Amino acid sequence: MKEDSRTKRCYLVEKKSVINARPGDIFKVLMDFGQWNQWTASITGMSILNNDRPGTGARIKVLQPKLPPAIWTITESLPDRSLTWEKRSFGLFMLSEHLLVTGNNGTSVIIRMTYKGPLAGLFYMLTRSLTDRYMTMEIDGLKRECEKR
């Protein structure tokens, strides 16, 4: 748990993996939202709501098992480096980051989900196990998909 000056607390779930692929190839897989359900069981569908192409400002409708549909907004898209998106609702701010770091043995991928706001602690407590499981599915699926290409 880390301190946050706006909300006093934030809660974090993080996964890491080394993927034997170039950052550009990994980034292409991440940005192809319509295909996520092909490589991770944590997603049943995604669609871009307000743009033809994904990028900063795009709103993405995300469908996941056991969760209501959610609308996420891309706040930063740095090709071959990172994808950041957020979801806001009453009393809760969720930030999802996908970071790509080039190394000697491949590309390190870090996936983070940060919860902030007055309801963050409660939401984190209620969903931490499911979030952890879905993030594991996601990073493992991303690794398999990128390494097979």
C-alpha atoms as a PDB file:
ATOM      1  CA  MET A   1       0.000   0.000   0.000  1.00  0.00           C
ATOM      2  CA  LYS A   2       1.329   3.438  -0.930  1.00  0.00           C
ATOM      3  CA  GLU A   3       0.358   6.904   0.276  1.00  0.00           C
ATOM      4  CA  ASP A   4      -1.471   9.303  -2.047  1.00  0.00           C
ATOM      5  CA  SER A   5      -1.843  12.969  -1.163  1.00  0.00           C
ATOM      6  CA  ARG A   6      -5.359  13.266  -2.650  1.00  0.00           C
ATOM      7  CA  THR A   7      -6.990  10.230  -1.094  1.00  0.00           C
ATOM      8  CA  LYS A   8      -4.502   9.344   1.667  1.00  0.00           C
ATOM      9  CA  ARG A   9      -4.357   5.703   0.512  1.00  0.00           C
ATOM     10  CA  CYS A  10      -4.098   3.721  -2.638  1.00  0.00           C
ATOM     11  CA  TYR A  11      -4.110  -0.012  -3.193  1.00  0.00           C
ATOM     12  CA  LEU A  12      -2.011  -1.790  -5.788  1.00  0.00           C
ATOM     13  CA  VAL A  13      -2.018  -5.151  -7.569  1.00  0.00           C
ATOM     14  CA  GLU A  14       1.006  -5.770  -9.815  1.00  0.00           C
ATOM     15  CA  LYS A  15       2.224  -8.557 -12.106  1.00  0.00           C
ATOM     16  CA  LYS A  16       5.562  -8.853 -13.922  1.00  0.00           C
ATOM     17  CA  SER A  17       6.887 -11.114 -16.639  1.00  0.00           C
ATOM     18  CA  VAL A  18       9.720 -11.208 -19.151  1.00  0.00           C
ATOM     19  CA  ILE A  19       8.439 -11.734 -22.673  1.00  0.00           C
ATOM     20  CA  ASN A  20      10.788 -12.850 -25.437  1.00  0.00           C
ATOM     21  CA  ALA A  21       9.494 -10.326 -27.966  1.00  0.00           C
ATOM     22  CA  ARG A  22      10.262  -6.781 -29.019  1.00  0.00           C
ATOM     23  CA  PRO A  23       8.381  -3.988 -27.238  1.00  0.00           C
ATOM     24  CA  GLY A  24       6.813  -2.924 -30.541  1.00  0.00           C
ATOM     25  CA  ASP A  25       5.347  -6.380 -31.092  1.00  0.00           C
ATOM     26  CA  ILE A  26       3.975  -6.521 -27.545  1.00  0.00           C
ATOM     27  CA  PHE A  27       2.506  -3.036 -27.870  1.00  0.00           C
ATOM     28  CA  LYS A  28       0.697  -4.044 -31.094  1.00  0.00           C
ATOM     29  CA  VAL A  29      -0.941  -6.949 -29.267  1.00  0.00           C
ATOM     30  CA  LEU A  30      -1.982  -4.676 -26.387  1.00  0.00           C
ATOM     31  CA  MET A  31      -3.480  -2.068 -28.725  1.00  0.00           C
ATOM     32  CA  ASP A  32      -5.552  -4.633 -30.654  1.00  0.00           C
ATOM     33  CA  PHE A  33      -8.423  -4.485 -28.173  1.00  0.00           C
ATOM     34  CA  GLY A  34     -10.781  -6.549 -30.312  1.00  0.00           C
ATOM     35  CA  GLN A  35      -8.469  -9.564 -29.949  1.00  0.00           C
ATOM     36  CA  TRP A  36      -7.787  -9.628 -26.200  1.00  0.00           C
ATOM     37  CA  ASN A  37     -10.428 -12.315 -25.668  1.00  0.00           C
ATOM     38  CA  GLN A  38      -8.394 -14.560 -28.006  1.00  0.00           C
ATOM     39  CA  TRP A  39      -5.380 -14.637 -25.673  1.00  0.00           C
ATOM     40  CA  THR A  40      -6.768 -14.109 -22.164  1.00  0.00           C
ATOM     41  CA  ALA A  41      -9.791 -15.696 -20.502  1.00  0.00           C
ATOM     42  CA  SER A  42     -10.059 -12.634 -18.236  1.00  0.00           C
ATOM     43  CA  ILE A  43     -11.674 -10.704 -21.120  1.00  0.00           C
ATOM     44  CA  THR A  44     -14.809 -11.776 -22.966  1.00  0.00           C
ATOM     45  CA  GLY A  45     -14.899  -8.725 -25.215  1.00  0.00           C
ATOM     46  CA  MET A  46     -13.646  -5.184 -25.799  1.00  0.00           C
ATOM     47  CA  SER A  47     -14.770  -2.455 -28.144  1.00  0.00           C
ATOM     48  CA  ILE A  48     -13.700   1.119 -28.835  1.00  0.00           C
ATOM     49  CA  LEU A  49     -16.633   3.446 -28.273  1.00  0.00           C
ATOM     50  CA  ASN A  50     -15.561   6.860 -29.529  1.00  0.00           C
ATOM     51  CA  ASN A  51     -12.647   6.480 -31.960  1.00  0.00           C
ATOM     52  CA  ASP A  52     -11.867   4.305 -34.940  1.00  0.00           C
ATOM     53  CA  ARG A  53      -8.376   3.698 -33.622  1.00  0.00           C
ATOM     54  CA  PRO A  54      -7.162   3.246 -30.064  1.00  0.00           C
ATOM     55  CA  GLY A  55      -5.086   6.019 -28.546  1.00  0.00           C
ATOM     56  CA  THR A  56      -5.197   8.744 -25.926  1.00  0.00           C
ATOM     57  CA  GLY A  57      -8.793   9.744 -25.255  1.00  0.00           C
ATOM     58  CA  ALA A  58     -10.305   6.535 -26.616  1.00  0.00           C
ATOM     59  CA  ARG A  59     -13.050   5.027 -24.492  1.00  0.00           C
ATOM     60  CA  ILE A  60     -12.985   1.232 -24.332  1.00  0.00           C
ATOM     61  CA  LYS A  61     -15.913  -0.923 -23.232  1.00  0.00           C
ATOM     62  CA  VAL A  62     -14.526  -3.935 -21.371  1.00  0.00           C
ATOM     63  CA  LEU A  63     -16.503  -7.121 -20.727  1.00  0.00           C
ATOM     64  CA  GLN A  64     -15.153  -9.551 -18.129  1.00  0.00           C
ATOM     65  CA  PRO A  65     -16.593 -12.650 -16.486  1.00  0.00           C
ATOM     66  CA  LYS A  66     -18.157 -12.001 -13.049  1.00  0.00           C
ATOM     67  CA  LEU A  67     -17.976  -8.198 -13.484  1.00  0.00           C
ATOM     68  CA  PRO A  68     -20.394  -5.632 -14.917  1.00  0.00           C
ATOM     69  CA  PRO A  69     -19.400  -3.956 -18.204  1.00  0.00           C
ATOM     70  CA  ALA A  70     -16.908  -1.141 -17.609  1.00  0.00           C
ATOM     71  CA  ILE A  71     -15.861   1.891 -19.634  1.00  0.00           C
ATOM     72  CA  TRP A  72     -12.141   2.704 -19.473  1.00  0.00           C
ATOM     73  CA  THR A  73     -10.486   5.794 -20.974  1.00  0.00           C
ATOM     74  CA  ILE A  74      -6.964   5.694 -22.384  1.00  0.00           C
ATOM     75  CA  THR A  75      -5.063   8.531 -20.726  1.00  0.00           C
ATOM     76  CA  GLU A  76      -1.639   7.805 -22.177  1.00  0.00           C
ATOM     77  CA  SER A  77      -0.390   5.678 -25.030  1.00  0.00           C
ATOM     78  CA  LEU A  78       3.368   5.739 -25.620  1.00  0.00           C
ATOM     79  CA  PRO A  79       4.137   3.372 -28.514  1.00  0.00           C
ATOM     80  CA  ASP A  80       6.440   0.513 -27.518  1.00  0.00           C
ATOM     81  CA  ARG A  81       6.626   1.837 -23.918  1.00  0.00           C
ATOM     82  CA  SER A  82       3.297   2.031 -22.075  1.00  0.00           C
ATOM     83  CA  LEU A  83      -0.476   2.005 -22.114  1.00  0.00           C
ATOM     84  CA  THR A  84      -2.348   3.737 -19.292  1.00  0.00           C
ATOM     85  CA  TRP A  85      -6.095   3.831 -18.855  1.00  0.00           C
ATOM     86  CA  GLU A  86      -8.494   4.781 -16.088  1.00  0.00           C
ATOM     87  CA  LYS A  87     -11.994   4.229 -14.852  1.00  0.00           C
ATOM     88  CA  ARG A  88     -13.801   6.603 -12.528  1.00  0.00           C
ATOM     89  CA  SER A  89     -16.986   6.051 -10.583  1.00  0.00           C
ATOM     90  CA  PHE A  90     -18.497   7.461  -7.423  1.00  0.00           C
ATOM     91  CA  GLY A  91     -15.861   7.206  -4.686  1.00  0.00           C
ATOM     92  CA  LEU A  92     -13.436   5.125  -6.751  1.00  0.00           C
ATOM     93  CA  PHE A  93     -10.652   5.821  -9.236  1.00  0.00           C
ATOM     94  CA  MET A  94      -8.940   2.872 -10.928  1.00  0.00           C
ATOM     95  CA  LEU A  95      -5.728   3.212 -12.931  1.00  0.00           C
ATOM     96  CA  SER A  96      -4.402   0.398 -15.115  1.00  0.00           C
ATOM     97  CA  GLU A  97      -0.849   0.557 -16.461  1.00  0.00           C
ATOM     98  CA  HIS A  98       0.969  -1.696 -18.906  1.00  0.00           C
ATOM     99  CA  LEU A  99       4.681  -0.873 -18.920  1.00  0.00           C
ATOM    100  CA  LEU A 100       7.259  -2.286 -21.346  1.00  0.00           C
ATOM    101  CA  VAL A 101      10.970  -2.156 -20.457  1.00  0.00           C
ATOM    102  CA  THR A 102      13.626  -3.475 -22.847  1.00  0.00           C
ATOM    103  CA  GLY A 103      16.276  -5.693 -21.285  1.00  0.00           C
ATOM    104  CA  ASN A 104      19.029  -8.078 -22.326  1.00  0.00           C
ATOM    105  CA  ASN A 105      16.799 -11.142 -21.935  1.00  0.00           C
ATOM    106  CA  GLY A 106      13.653  -9.797 -23.565  1.00  0.00           C
ATOM    107  CA  THR A 107      11.064  -7.221 -22.615  1.00  0.00           C
ATOM    108  CA  SER A 108       9.930  -6.863 -19.024  1.00  0.00           C
ATOM    109  CA  VAL A 109       6.201  -6.268 -18.860  1.00  0.00           C
ATOM    110  CA  ILE A 110       4.657  -4.808 -15.730  1.00  0.00           C
ATOM    111  CA  ILE A 111       0.899  -4.653 -15.299  1.00  0.00           C
ATOM    112  CA  ARG A 112      -0.446  -2.536 -12.435  1.00  0.00           C
ATOM    113  CA  MET A 113      -3.923  -1.858 -11.147  1.00  0.00           C
ATOM    114  CA  THR A 114      -4.156   1.000  -8.651  1.00  0.00           C
ATOM    115  CA  TYR A 115      -7.283   1.816  -6.646  1.00  0.00           C
ATOM    116  CA  LYS A 116      -7.769   5.282  -5.121  1.00  0.00           C
ATOM    117  CA  GLY A 117     -10.616   7.200  -3.512  1.00  0.00           C
ATOM    118  CA  PRO A 118     -12.889   6.907  -0.487  1.00  0.00           C
ATOM    119  CA  LEU A 119     -14.221   3.489  -1.577  1.00  0.00           C
ATOM    120  CA  ALA A 120     -10.849   2.123  -2.739  1.00  0.00           C
ATOM    121  CA  GLY A 121     -10.179   0.058   0.385  1.00  0.00           C
ATOM    122  CA  LEU A 122     -13.572  -1.627   0.306  1.00  0.00           C
ATOM    123  CA  PHE A 123     -13.441  -2.276  -3.432  1.00  0.00           C
ATOM    124  CA  TYR A 124      -9.883  -3.595  -3.163  1.00  0.00           C
ATOM    125  CA  MET A 125     -10.870  -5.933  -0.334  1.00  0.00           C
ATOM    126  CA  LEU A 126     -13.876  -7.255  -2.294  1.00  0.00           C
ATOM    127  CA  THR A 127     -12.123  -7.704  -5.660  1.00  0.00           C
ATOM    128  CA  ARG A 128      -8.419  -8.244  -4.896  1.00  0.00           C
ATOM    129  CA  SER A 129      -8.551 -12.017  -5.392  1.00  0.00           C
ATOM    130  CA  LEU A 130     -10.440 -11.772  -8.694  1.00  0.00           C
ATOM    131  CA  THR A 131      -8.207  -8.931  -9.897  1.00  0.00           C
ATOM    132  CA  ASP A 132      -5.095 -10.929  -9.016  1.00  0.00           C
ATOM    133  CA  ARG A 133      -6.425 -13.983 -10.888  1.00  0.00           C
ATOM    134  CA  TYR A 134      -7.430 -11.941 -13.967  1.00  0.00           C
ATOM    135  CA  MET A 135      -4.106 -10.100 -14.070  1.00  0.00           C
ATOM    136  CA  THR A 136      -2.259 -13.432 -13.922  1.00  0.00           C
ATOM    137  CA  MET A 137      -4.372 -14.703 -16.830  1.00  0.00           C
ATOM    138  CA  GLU A 138      -3.641 -11.509 -18.718  1.00  0.00           C
ATOM    139  CA  ILE A 139       0.129 -11.438 -18.325  1.00  0.00           C
ATOM    140  CA  ASP A 140       0.453 -15.190 -18.963  1.00  0.00           C
ATOM    141  CA  GLY A 141      -1.770 -14.929 -22.059  1.00  0.00           C
ATOM    142  CA  LEU A 142       0.113 -11.894 -23.326  1.00  0.00           C
ATOM    143  CA  LYS A 143       3.402 -13.771 -22.960  1.00  0.00           C
ATOM    144  CA  ARG A 144       2.067 -16.826 -24.841  1.00  0.00           C
ATOM    145  CA  GLU A 145       0.548 -14.691 -27.623  1.00  0.00           C
ATOM    146  CA  CYS A 146       3.622 -12.521 -28.166  1.00  0.00           C
ATOM    147  CA  GLU A 147       6.115 -15.379 -28.049  1.00  0.00           C
ATOM    148  CA  LYS A 148       4.152 -17.497 -30.538  1.00  0.00           C
ATOM    149  CA  ARG A 149       4.019 -14.674 -33.134  1.00  0.00           C
END
